[in-house]
Amino acid sequence: MRFIKSKLLVIGLAIVVVLAACGDSTNSNSENSNEDTSEDKGTIEMAQINWAENIAVSNMWKVILEDQGYKVNLNLLDMGTIMKALAEDELDINLEVWLPVQDQAYLQQYKDEVFFSEETWYDNAKVGLVVPTYLEDINSIEDLNKNKEMFEGEITGFDPGAGTMEVTEELIKDYNLDYELVPSSEPAMITEIDQAIKNEEPIVAPLWSPHRVFSQYDLKYLDDPKEVYGGVEKIHHATRQGFADDFPEVSQWMKNWKMDDDAVGELMTYVKDAEEPIDGARKWVEENQDLVNEWLNK
């Protein structure tokens, strides 16, 4: 396998590339990896996106894989940079591709250069515009134009280049909304939602399930009669071509990986409540070893 870390750092000049500050994973111990060192099994360059569920699952897999003798570097990037890096063999794996709608553009662009798994790890995802439940008269995307002044003509968005942001731009056109989609980041968007709800002010934003925000705030999805966001989404993983040859057992583990609402929700909560994401992920792995072992075929 080629060493890709230095090339990846070059890509990261476009945004911010960091090895995720998730604490020192060298304390991870496993009876299964006593004889295997990271030098024996190699280093995996894993994408991380600054989304709550992605931070949770990427740290979870860092714990699992390092317990099994691999070294895992987490690289914080946006979705567009991630897919380009996979296509150019400068990154090994991206844990989160939403299909059939949200990341369809990336599938079409890179289907010949990136391996998109047919297997899914979460099968009940949903995407849409949300508003606080106290906005009782706003229940459909079609209600937005006649309430433009209420929302100041803005949809509060997150990372530019994310598939859902691109679909939301299409939605604005399809519904002829006289609104601007304002990009920021997921944490910034959640902060805006938090402040609006504290002040009982109007806000509309694109969100998705699974997400811990729905356990924190009373939010509702707006009806999408044109189904621009699609129906149920499924979350896949994607790798560079050749990853399965270089890391065959990891490739199989990823195909075995399945989580339901309870598992994802608990993991996200542990990661959010921990001092460092890696600590919350480690706690979850320790408490759910039977499920993890199912993925590892043990």
C-alpha atoms as a PDB file:
ATOM      1  CA  MET A   1       0.000   0.000   0.000  1.00  0.00           C
ATOM      2  CA  ARG A   2       1.290   3.462  -0.833  1.00  0.00           C
ATOM      3  CA  PHE A   3       1.922   5.883   1.994  1.00  0.00           C
ATOM      4  CA  ILE A   4      -0.587   8.683   1.583  1.00  0.00           C
ATOM      5  CA  LYS A   5      -0.385  10.866   4.641  1.00  0.00           C
ATOM      6  CA  SER A   6       1.851  13.549   3.155  1.00  0.00           C
ATOM      7  CA  LYS A   7      -0.295  13.891   0.051  1.00  0.00           C
ATOM      8  CA  LEU A   8      -3.408  14.198   2.158  1.00  0.00           C
ATOM      9  CA  LEU A   9      -1.927  17.132   4.042  1.00  0.00           C
ATOM     10  CA  VAL A  10      -1.588  18.968   0.744  1.00  0.00           C
ATOM     11  CA  ILE A  11      -5.301  18.528   0.055  1.00  0.00           C
ATOM     12  CA  GLY A  12      -6.080  19.773   3.539  1.00  0.00           C
ATOM     13  CA  LEU A  13      -4.755  23.265   2.686  1.00  0.00           C
ATOM     14  CA  ALA A  14      -8.130  23.881   1.038  1.00  0.00           C
ATOM     15  CA  ILE A  15      -9.916  23.670   4.400  1.00  0.00           C
ATOM     16  CA  VAL A  16      -8.567  22.301   7.644  1.00  0.00           C
ATOM     17  CA  VAL A  17      -6.857  18.963   7.945  1.00  0.00           C
ATOM     18  CA  VAL A  18      -6.108  17.599  11.338  1.00  0.00           C
ATOM     19  CA  LEU A  19      -5.428  14.301  12.845  1.00  0.00           C
ATOM     20  CA  ALA A  20      -8.515  14.191  15.027  1.00  0.00           C
ATOM     21  CA  ALA A  21      -7.801  15.438  18.509  1.00  0.00           C
ATOM     22  CA  CYS A  22      -9.380  12.483  20.072  1.00  0.00           C
ATOM     23  CA  GLY A  23      -6.837  11.675  22.734  1.00  0.00           C
ATOM     24  CA  ASP A  24      -4.070   9.154  22.854  1.00  0.00           C
ATOM     25  CA  SER A  25      -5.335   5.821  21.639  1.00  0.00           C
ATOM     26  CA  THR A  26      -2.183   4.000  22.648  1.00  0.00           C
ATOM     27  CA  ASN A  27      -3.846   2.967  25.897  1.00  0.00           C
ATOM     28  CA  SER A  28      -6.356   0.804  24.025  1.00  0.00           C
ATOM     29  CA  ASN A  29      -5.818  -2.794  25.041  1.00  0.00           C
ATOM     30  CA  SER A  30      -7.193  -5.953  23.555  1.00  0.00           C
ATOM     31  CA  GLU A  31      -6.485  -9.568  24.245  1.00  0.00           C
ATOM     32  CA  ASN A  32      -6.931 -10.112  20.526  1.00  0.00           C
ATOM     33  CA  SER A  33      -4.088  -7.780  19.572  1.00  0.00           C
ATOM     34  CA  ASN A  34      -1.334  -8.734  22.021  1.00  0.00           C
ATOM     35  CA  GLU A  35       0.770 -10.204  19.251  1.00  0.00           C
ATOM     36  CA  ASP A  36      -0.216  -7.741  16.518  1.00  0.00           C
ATOM     37  CA  THR A  37       1.257  -4.262  16.386  1.00  0.00           C
ATOM     38  CA  SER A  38       0.231  -1.349  14.195  1.00  0.00           C
ATOM     39  CA  GLU A  39       3.403  -1.974  12.179  1.00  0.00           C
ATOM     40  CA  ASP A  40       2.185  -5.510  11.494  1.00  0.00           C
ATOM     41  CA  LYS A  41      -1.278  -4.550  10.282  1.00  0.00           C
ATOM     42  CA  GLY A  42      -0.675  -1.112   8.823  1.00  0.00           C
ATOM     43  CA  THR A  43      -2.088   2.394   9.019  1.00  0.00           C
ATOM     44  CA  ILE A  44      -5.568   3.372   7.848  1.00  0.00           C
ATOM     45  CA  GLU A  45      -6.298   6.949   6.835  1.00  0.00           C
ATOM     46  CA  MET A  46      -9.955   7.467   7.769  1.00  0.00           C
ATOM     47  CA  ALA A  47     -12.067  10.478   6.873  1.00  0.00           C
ATOM     48  CA  GLN A  48     -13.873  12.386   9.569  1.00  0.00           C
ATOM     49  CA  ILE A  49     -16.583  14.977   8.928  1.00  0.00           C
ATOM     50  CA  ASN A  50     -17.570  17.518  11.558  1.00  0.00           C
ATOM     51  CA  TRP A  51     -21.045  16.008  11.948  1.00  0.00           C
ATOM     52  CA  ALA A  52     -22.160  14.559  15.280  1.00  0.00           C
ATOM     53  CA  GLU A  53     -22.872  11.049  14.026  1.00  0.00           C
ATOM     54  CA  ASN A  54     -19.698  10.955  11.944  1.00  0.00           C
ATOM     55  CA  ILE A  55     -17.511  12.021  14.849  1.00  0.00           C
ATOM     56  CA  ALA A  56     -19.150   9.247  16.880  1.00  0.00           C
ATOM     57  CA  VAL A  57     -18.721   6.387  14.395  1.00  0.00           C
ATOM     58  CA  SER A  58     -15.243   7.395  13.218  1.00  0.00           C
ATOM     59  CA  ASN A  59     -13.974   7.432  16.802  1.00  0.00           C
ATOM     60  CA  MET A  60     -15.764   4.142  17.446  1.00  0.00           C
ATOM     61  CA  TRP A  61     -13.970   2.500  14.532  1.00  0.00           C
ATOM     62  CA  LYS A  62     -10.656   4.027  15.581  1.00  0.00           C
ATOM     63  CA  VAL A  63     -11.057   2.296  18.953  1.00  0.00           C
ATOM     64  CA  ILE A  64     -12.121  -1.018  17.402  1.00  0.00           C
ATOM     65  CA  LEU A  65      -9.412  -1.120  14.749  1.00  0.00           C
ATOM     66  CA  GLU A  66      -6.617  -0.062  17.083  1.00  0.00           C
ATOM     67  CA  ASP A  67      -7.751  -2.778  19.500  1.00  0.00           C
ATOM     68  CA  GLN A  68      -7.241  -5.165  16.592  1.00  0.00           C
ATOM     69  CA  GLY A  69      -3.702  -3.998  15.861  1.00  0.00           C
ATOM     70  CA  TYR A  70      -4.147  -1.275  13.241  1.00  0.00           C
ATOM     71  CA  LYS A  71      -3.164   2.359  13.484  1.00  0.00           C
ATOM     72  CA  VAL A  72      -5.936   4.769  12.481  1.00  0.00           C
ATOM     73  CA  ASN A  73      -5.453   8.421  11.573  1.00  0.00           C
ATOM     74  CA  LEU A  74      -8.627  10.520  11.542  1.00  0.00           C
ATOM     75  CA  ASN A  75      -8.558  13.305   8.952  1.00  0.00           C
ATOM     76  CA  LEU A  76     -11.065  16.132   9.379  1.00  0.00           C
ATOM     77  CA  LEU A  77     -12.247  17.164   5.900  1.00  0.00           C
ATOM     78  CA  ASP A  78     -15.338  18.249   4.035  1.00  0.00           C
ATOM     79  CA  MET A  79     -17.285  15.801   1.894  1.00  0.00           C
ATOM     80  CA  GLY A  80     -16.066  17.082  -1.454  1.00  0.00           C
ATOM     81  CA  THR A  81     -12.415  16.865  -0.433  1.00  0.00           C
ATOM     82  CA  ILE A  82     -12.974  13.391   1.014  1.00  0.00           C
ATOM     83  CA  MET A  83     -14.405  11.979  -2.195  1.00  0.00           C
ATOM     84  CA  LYS A  84     -11.658  13.520  -4.310  1.00  0.00           C
ATOM     85  CA  ALA A  85      -9.020  12.103  -1.954  1.00  0.00           C
ATOM     86  CA  LEU A  86     -10.544   8.609  -2.182  1.00  0.00           C
ATOM     87  CA  ALA A  87     -10.553   8.823  -5.965  1.00  0.00           C
ATOM     88  CA  GLU A  88      -6.878   9.807  -5.960  1.00  0.00           C
ATOM     89  CA  ASP A  89      -5.853   7.089  -3.444  1.00  0.00           C
ATOM     90  CA  GLU A  90      -4.940   9.739  -0.901  1.00  0.00           C
ATOM     91  CA  LEU A  91      -7.438   8.535   1.702  1.00  0.00           C
ATOM     92  CA  ASP A  92      -8.531   5.007   2.618  1.00  0.00           C
ATOM     93  CA  ILE A  93     -12.116   5.142   3.807  1.00  0.00           C
ATOM     94  CA  ASN A  94     -15.152   7.368   4.301  1.00  0.00           C
ATOM     95  CA  LEU A  95     -17.722   5.932   6.717  1.00  0.00           C
ATOM     96  CA  GLU A  96     -20.688   8.012   5.626  1.00  0.00           C
ATOM     97  CA  VAL A  97     -22.296   8.119   2.171  1.00  0.00           C
ATOM     98  CA  TRP A  98     -26.045   8.810   2.080  1.00  0.00           C
ATOM     99  CA  LEU A  99     -27.985   7.206  -0.767  1.00  0.00           C
ATOM    100  CA  PRO A 100     -30.053   7.173  -2.881  1.00  0.00           C
ATOM    101  CA  VAL A 101     -30.498  10.986  -2.847  1.00  0.00           C
ATOM    102  CA  GLN A 102     -28.177  13.051  -0.664  1.00  0.00           C
ATOM    103  CA  ASP A 103     -24.799  11.931  -2.044  1.00  0.00           C
ATOM    104  CA  GLN A 104     -26.011  10.809  -5.444  1.00  0.00           C
ATOM    105  CA  ALA A 105     -23.900  13.491  -7.141  1.00  0.00           C
ATOM    106  CA  TYR A 106     -20.716  12.038  -5.618  1.00  0.00           C
ATOM    107  CA  LEU A 107     -21.724   8.530  -6.643  1.00  0.00           C
ATOM    108  CA  GLN A 108     -22.183   9.651 -10.232  1.00  0.00           C
ATOM    109  CA  GLN A 109     -18.959  11.643 -10.273  1.00  0.00           C
ATOM    110  CA  TYR A 110     -16.721   9.001  -8.712  1.00  0.00           C
ATOM    111  CA  LYS A 111     -18.424   5.661  -9.380  1.00  0.00           C
ATOM    112  CA  ASP A 112     -15.523   4.501 -11.594  1.00  0.00           C
ATOM    113  CA  GLU A 113     -12.782   5.676  -9.229  1.00  0.00           C
ATOM    114  CA  VAL A 114     -14.154   4.949  -5.739  1.00  0.00           C
ATOM    115  CA  PHE A 115     -15.638   1.787  -4.268  1.00  0.00           C
ATOM    116  CA  PHE A 116     -19.139   2.464  -2.919  1.00  0.00           C
ATOM    117  CA  SER A 117     -20.359  -0.366  -0.717  1.00  0.00           C
ATOM    118  CA  GLU A 118     -23.678  -2.001  -1.465  1.00  0.00           C
ATOM    119  CA  GLU A 119     -23.889  -2.857   2.228  1.00  0.00           C
ATOM    120  CA  THR A 120     -25.330  -0.277   4.606  1.00  0.00           C
ATOM    121  CA  TRP A 121     -24.698   0.325   8.297  1.00  0.00           C
ATOM    122  CA  TYR A 122     -27.841   2.367   8.973  1.00  0.00           C
ATOM    123  CA  ASP A 123     -31.106   1.831   7.101  1.00  0.00           C
ATOM    124  CA  ASN A 124     -33.546   4.369   8.487  1.00  0.00           C
ATOM    125  CA  ALA A 125     -32.003   7.754   7.790  1.00  0.00           C
ATOM    126  CA  LYS A 126     -34.108  10.816   7.019  1.00  0.00           C
ATOM    127  CA  VAL A 127     -33.306  14.269   5.702  1.00  0.00           C
ATOM    128  CA  GLY A 128     -35.438  17.383   5.537  1.00  0.00           C
ATOM    129  CA  LEU A 129     -36.008  20.964   6.563  1.00  0.00           C
ATOM    130  CA  VAL A 130     -36.907  21.349  10.225  1.00  0.00           C
ATOM    131  CA  VAL A 131     -38.489  24.082  12.324  1.00  0.00           C
ATOM    132  CA  PRO A 132     -39.278  24.275  16.046  1.00  0.00           C
ATOM    133  CA  THR A 133     -42.609  22.669  16.934  1.00  0.00           C
ATOM    134  CA  TYR A 134     -43.895  25.937  18.402  1.00  0.00           C
ATOM    135  CA  LEU A 135     -44.214  27.244  14.821  1.00  0.00           C
ATOM    136  CA  GLU A 136     -47.619  25.594  14.591  1.00  0.00           C
ATOM    137  CA  ASP A 137     -48.597  27.145  11.251  1.00  0.00           C
ATOM    138  CA  ILE A 138     -45.423  26.100   9.434  1.00  0.00           C
ATOM    139  CA  ASN A 139     -45.806  22.449   8.485  1.00  0.00           C
ATOM    140  CA  SER A 140     -44.746  22.219   4.848  1.00  0.00           C
ATOM    141  CA  ILE A 141     -41.975  23.562   2.651  1.00  0.00           C
ATOM    142  CA  GLU A 142     -44.800  25.186   0.690  1.00  0.00           C
ATOM    143  CA  ASP A 143     -45.537  27.365   3.750  1.00  0.00           C
ATOM    144  CA  LEU A 144     -42.136  29.058   3.625  1.00  0.00           C
ATOM    145  CA  ASN A 145     -42.622  31.670   0.897  1.00  0.00           C
ATOM    146  CA  LYS A 146     -45.700  33.203   2.513  1.00  0.00           C
ATOM    147  CA  ASN A 147     -43.711  33.447   5.750  1.00  0.00           C
ATOM    148  CA  LYS A 148     -40.514  34.801   4.251  1.00  0.00           C
ATOM    149  CA  GLU A 149     -40.396  37.821   6.551  1.00  0.00           C
ATOM    150  CA  MET A 150     -40.678  35.569   9.605  1.00  0.00           C
ATOM    151  CA  PHE A 151     -37.489  33.724   8.613  1.00  0.00           C
ATOM    152  CA  GLU A 152     -35.838  36.804   7.063  1.00  0.00           C
ATOM    153  CA  GLY A 153     -35.562  34.830   3.841  1.00  0.00           C
ATOM    154  CA  GLU A 154     -32.828  32.569   5.206  1.00  0.00           C
ATOM    155  CA  ILE A 155     -32.351  28.834   5.625  1.00  0.00           C
ATOM    156  CA  THR A 156     -29.624  28.211   8.188  1.00  0.00           C
ATOM    157  CA  GLY A 157     -27.254  25.659   6.685  1.00  0.00           C
ATOM    158  CA  PHE A 158     -24.058  23.804   7.551  1.00  0.00           C
ATOM    159  CA  ASP A 159     -20.996  22.599   5.630  1.00  0.00           C
ATOM    160  CA  PRO A 160     -20.797  23.801   2.010  1.00  0.00           C
ATOM    161  CA  GLY A 161     -20.238  20.844  -0.299  1.00  0.00           C
ATOM    162  CA  ALA A 162     -22.246  18.428   1.842  1.00  0.00           C
ATOM    163  CA  GLY A 163     -24.688  16.390  -0.232  1.00  0.00           C
ATOM    164  CA  THR A 164     -27.668  17.635   1.796  1.00  0.00           C
ATOM    165  CA  MET A 165     -26.634  21.249   1.194  1.00  0.00           C
ATOM    166  CA  GLU A 166     -26.532  20.617  -2.549  1.00  0.00           C
ATOM    167  CA  VAL A 167     -29.950  18.952  -2.442  1.00  0.00           C
ATOM    168  CA  THR A 168     -31.281  21.899  -0.432  1.00  0.00           C
ATOM    169  CA  GLU A 169     -30.094  24.268  -3.166  1.00  0.00           C
ATOM    170  CA  GLU A 170     -32.070  22.150  -5.647  1.00  0.00           C
ATOM    171  CA  LEU A 171     -35.059  22.240  -3.305  1.00  0.00           C
ATOM    172  CA  ILE A 172     -34.994  26.056  -3.258  1.00  0.00           C
ATOM    173  CA  LYS A 173     -35.219  26.016  -7.053  1.00  0.00           C
ATOM    174  CA  ASP A 174     -37.871  23.295  -7.242  1.00  0.00           C
ATOM    175  CA  TYR A 175     -40.164  25.064  -4.775  1.00  0.00           C
ATOM    176  CA  ASN A 176     -39.310  28.531  -6.136  1.00  0.00           C
ATOM    177  CA  LEU A 177     -38.371  29.623  -2.632  1.00  0.00           C
ATOM    178  CA  ASP A 178     -37.264  33.227  -2.285  1.00  0.00           C
ATOM    179  CA  TYR A 179     -34.708  32.164   0.317  1.00  0.00           C
ATOM    180  CA  GLU A 180     -30.949  32.098   0.668  1.00  0.00           C
ATOM    181  CA  LEU A 181     -29.212  28.997   2.023  1.00  0.00           C
ATOM    182  CA  VAL A 182     -26.588  30.305   4.444  1.00  0.00           C
ATOM    183  CA  PRO A 183     -23.633  27.889   4.861  1.00  0.00           C
ATOM    184  CA  SER A 184     -21.664  27.546   8.085  1.00  0.00           C
ATOM    185  CA  SER A 185     -20.786  24.336   9.922  1.00  0.00           C
ATOM    186  CA  GLU A 186     -22.845  21.743  11.754  1.00  0.00           C
ATOM    187  CA  PRO A 187     -21.835  23.039  15.218  1.00  0.00           C
ATOM    188  CA  ALA A 188     -22.610  26.620  14.159  1.00  0.00           C
ATOM    189  CA  MET A 189     -25.996  25.549  12.770  1.00  0.00           C
ATOM    190  CA  ILE A 190     -26.871  23.717  15.991  1.00  0.00           C
ATOM    191  CA  THR A 191     -25.858  26.789  17.995  1.00  0.00           C
ATOM    192  CA  GLU A 192     -28.197  28.911  15.872  1.00  0.00           C
ATOM    193  CA  ILE A 193     -31.026  26.429  16.467  1.00  0.00           C
ATOM    194  CA  ASP A 194     -30.284  26.432  20.188  1.00  0.00           C
ATOM    195  CA  GLN A 195     -30.365  30.225  20.429  1.00  0.00           C
ATOM    196  CA  ALA A 196     -33.547  30.505  18.369  1.00  0.00           C
ATOM    197  CA  ILE A 197     -35.370  27.969  20.530  1.00  0.00           C
ATOM    198  CA  LYS A 198     -34.212  29.599  23.767  1.00  0.00           C
ATOM    199  CA  ASN A 199     -35.719  32.852  22.515  1.00  0.00           C
ATOM    200  CA  GLU A 200     -38.720  31.160  20.864  1.00  0.00           C
ATOM    201  CA  GLU A 201     -37.724  32.665  17.541  1.00  0.00           C
ATOM    202  CA  PRO A 202     -38.313  31.201  14.056  1.00  0.00           C
ATOM    203  CA  ILE A 203     -35.581  29.231  12.339  1.00  0.00           C
ATOM    204  CA  VAL A 204     -35.525  26.734   9.472  1.00  0.00           C
ATOM    205  CA  ALA A 205     -32.587  24.434   8.775  1.00  0.00           C
ATOM    206  CA  PRO A 206     -31.730  21.190   6.947  1.00  0.00           C
ATOM    207  CA  LEU A 207     -31.271  18.315   9.373  1.00  0.00           C
ATOM    208  CA  TRP A 208     -31.073  14.570   9.344  1.00  0.00           C
ATOM    209  CA  SER A 209     -31.752  11.523  11.460  1.00  0.00           C
ATOM    210  CA  PRO A 210     -29.892   9.979  13.223  1.00  0.00           C
ATOM    211  CA  HIS A 211     -28.916  13.102  15.122  1.00  0.00           C
ATOM    212  CA  ARG A 212     -28.753  13.816  18.833  1.00  0.00           C
ATOM    213  CA  VAL A 213     -30.352  17.242  18.290  1.00  0.00           C
ATOM    214  CA  PHE A 214     -33.815  15.643  18.171  1.00  0.00           C
ATOM    215  CA  SER A 215     -33.396  14.474  21.767  1.00  0.00           C
ATOM    216  CA  GLN A 216     -32.409  17.985  22.838  1.00  0.00           C
ATOM    217  CA  TYR A 217     -35.028  20.125  21.106  1.00  0.00           C
ATOM    218  CA  ASP A 218     -38.634  19.850  19.958  1.00  0.00           C
ATOM    219  CA  LEU A 219     -38.239  19.984  16.184  1.00  0.00           C
ATOM    220  CA  LYS A 220     -40.414  18.812  13.325  1.00  0.00           C
ATOM    221  CA  TYR A 221     -39.701  17.977   9.707  1.00  0.00           C
ATOM    222  CA  LEU A 222     -41.582  20.047   7.145  1.00  0.00           C
ATOM    223  CA  ASP A 223     -43.622  18.079   4.628  1.00  0.00           C
ATOM    224  CA  ASP A 224     -41.833  17.739   1.297  1.00  0.00           C
ATOM    225  CA  PRO A 225     -44.630  17.122  -1.250  1.00  0.00           C
ATOM    226  CA  LYS A 226     -42.215  17.101  -4.193  1.00  0.00           C
ATOM    227  CA  GLU A 227     -39.972  14.590  -2.339  1.00  0.00           C
ATOM    228  CA  VAL A 228     -36.847  16.516  -3.255  1.00  0.00           C
ATOM    229  CA  TYR A 229     -35.073  15.067  -0.228  1.00  0.00           C
ATOM    230  CA  GLY A 230     -36.355  11.608  -1.109  1.00  0.00           C
ATOM    231  CA  GLY A 231     -37.765   9.136   1.360  1.00  0.00           C
ATOM    232  CA  VAL A 232     -35.774   6.840   3.589  1.00  0.00           C
ATOM    233  CA  GLU A 233     -32.024   7.205   3.102  1.00  0.00           C
ATOM    234  CA  LYS A 234     -29.450   4.512   3.788  1.00  0.00           C
ATOM    235  CA  ILE A 235     -25.905   5.136   4.980  1.00  0.00           C
ATOM    236  CA  HIS A 236     -23.090   3.308   3.159  1.00  0.00           C
ATOM    237  CA  HIS A 237     -19.311   3.494   3.383  1.00  0.00           C
ATOM    238  CA  ALA A 238     -16.857   4.155   0.556  1.00  0.00           C
ATOM    239  CA  THR A 239     -13.188   3.315   0.113  1.00  0.00           C
ATOM    240  CA  ARG A 240     -10.399   3.893  -2.349  1.00  0.00           C
ATOM    241  CA  GLN A 241     -10.078   1.225  -5.003  1.00  0.00           C
ATOM    242  CA  GLY A 242      -7.731  -1.464  -3.735  1.00  0.00           C
ATOM    243  CA  PHE A 243      -8.566  -0.982  -0.057  1.00  0.00           C
ATOM    244  CA  ALA A 244     -10.149  -4.443   0.158  1.00  0.00           C
ATOM    245  CA  ASP A 245      -6.960  -5.996  -1.236  1.00  0.00           C
ATOM    246  CA  ASP A 246      -4.759  -4.161   1.237  1.00  0.00           C
ATOM    247  CA  PHE A 247      -7.046  -4.584   4.260  1.00  0.00           C
ATOM    248  CA  PRO A 248      -9.288  -7.582   3.537  1.00  0.00           C
ATOM    249  CA  GLU A 249     -10.454  -8.230   7.095  1.00  0.00           C
ATOM    250  CA  VAL A 250     -11.276  -4.564   7.702  1.00  0.00           C
ATOM    251  CA  SER A 251     -13.197  -4.480   4.441  1.00  0.00           C
ATOM    252  CA  GLN A 252     -15.283  -7.430   5.613  1.00  0.00           C
ATOM    253  CA  TRP A 253     -15.861  -5.903   9.041  1.00  0.00           C
ATOM    254  CA  MET A 254     -17.213  -2.769   7.409  1.00  0.00           C
ATOM    255  CA  LYS A 255     -19.641  -4.860   5.387  1.00  0.00           C
ATOM    256  CA  ASN A 256     -20.795  -6.616   8.573  1.00  0.00           C
ATOM    257  CA  TRP A 257     -21.363  -3.324  10.416  1.00  0.00           C
ATOM    258  CA  LYS A 258     -25.013  -2.590  11.343  1.00  0.00           C
ATOM    259  CA  MET A 259     -26.454  -0.134  13.864  1.00  0.00           C
ATOM    260  CA  ASP A 260     -30.010   0.744  14.838  1.00  0.00           C
ATOM    261  CA  ASP A 261     -31.469   3.918  16.363  1.00  0.00           C
ATOM    262  CA  ASP A 262     -30.732   2.866  19.937  1.00  0.00           C
ATOM    263  CA  ALA A 263     -27.110   1.958  19.227  1.00  0.00           C
ATOM    264  CA  VAL A 264     -26.362   5.118  17.244  1.00  0.00           C
ATOM    265  CA  GLY A 265     -28.153   7.318  19.748  1.00  0.00           C
ATOM    266  CA  GLU A 266     -26.306   5.851  22.719  1.00  0.00           C
ATOM    267  CA  LEU A 267     -22.942   6.108  20.959  1.00  0.00           C
ATOM    268  CA  MET A 268     -23.553   9.752  20.030  1.00  0.00           C
ATOM    269  CA  THR A 269     -24.555  10.546  23.605  1.00  0.00           C
ATOM    270  CA  TYR A 270     -21.445   8.893  25.044  1.00  0.00           C
ATOM    271  CA  VAL A 271     -19.213  10.791  22.619  1.00  0.00           C
ATOM    272  CA  LYS A 272     -20.956  14.106  23.308  1.00  0.00           C
ATOM    273  CA  ASP A 273     -20.758  13.715  27.094  1.00  0.00           C
ATOM    274  CA  ALA A 274     -17.106  12.615  27.220  1.00  0.00           C
ATOM    275  CA  GLU A 275     -14.204  14.984  27.742  1.00  0.00           C
ATOM    276  CA  GLU A 276     -12.759  13.732  24.448  1.00  0.00           C
ATOM    277  CA  PRO A 277     -14.718  11.924  21.675  1.00  0.00           C
ATOM    278  CA  ILE A 278     -12.350   8.949  21.770  1.00  0.00           C
ATOM    279  CA  ASP A 279     -13.136   8.416  25.462  1.00  0.00           C
ATOM    280  CA  GLY A 280     -16.879   8.255  24.846  1.00  0.00           C
ATOM    281  CA  ALA A 281     -16.348   5.910  21.910  1.00  0.00           C
ATOM    282  CA  ARG A 282     -14.134   3.625  24.000  1.00  0.00           C
ATOM    283  CA  LYS A 283     -16.733   3.475  26.757  1.00  0.00           C
ATOM    284  CA  TRP A 284     -19.416   2.533  24.231  1.00  0.00           C
ATOM    285  CA  VAL A 285     -17.244  -0.169  22.648  1.00  0.00           C
ATOM    286  CA  GLU A 286     -16.481  -1.670  26.047  1.00  0.00           C
ATOM    287  CA  GLU A 287     -20.176  -1.809  26.941  1.00  0.00           C
ATOM    288  CA  ASN A 288     -21.246  -3.200  23.547  1.00  0.00           C
ATOM    289  CA  GLN A 289     -18.552  -5.767  22.894  1.00  0.00           C
ATOM    290  CA  ASP A 290     -21.068  -8.450  21.902  1.00  0.00           C
ATOM    291  CA  LEU A 291     -22.345  -6.271  19.049  1.00  0.00           C
ATOM    292  CA  VAL A 292     -18.813  -5.333  18.023  1.00  0.00           C
ATOM    293  CA  ASN A 293     -17.866  -9.005  17.982  1.00  0.00           C
ATOM    294  CA  GLU A 294     -20.739  -9.697  15.579  1.00  0.00           C
ATOM    295  CA  TRP A 295     -19.141  -7.245  13.147  1.00  0.00           C
ATOM    296  CA  LEU A 296     -15.769  -8.903  13.622  1.00  0.00           C
ATOM    297  CA  ASN A 297     -17.290 -12.365  13.053  1.00  0.00           C
ATOM    298  CA  LYS A 298     -16.256 -13.603  16.493  1.00  0.00           C
END
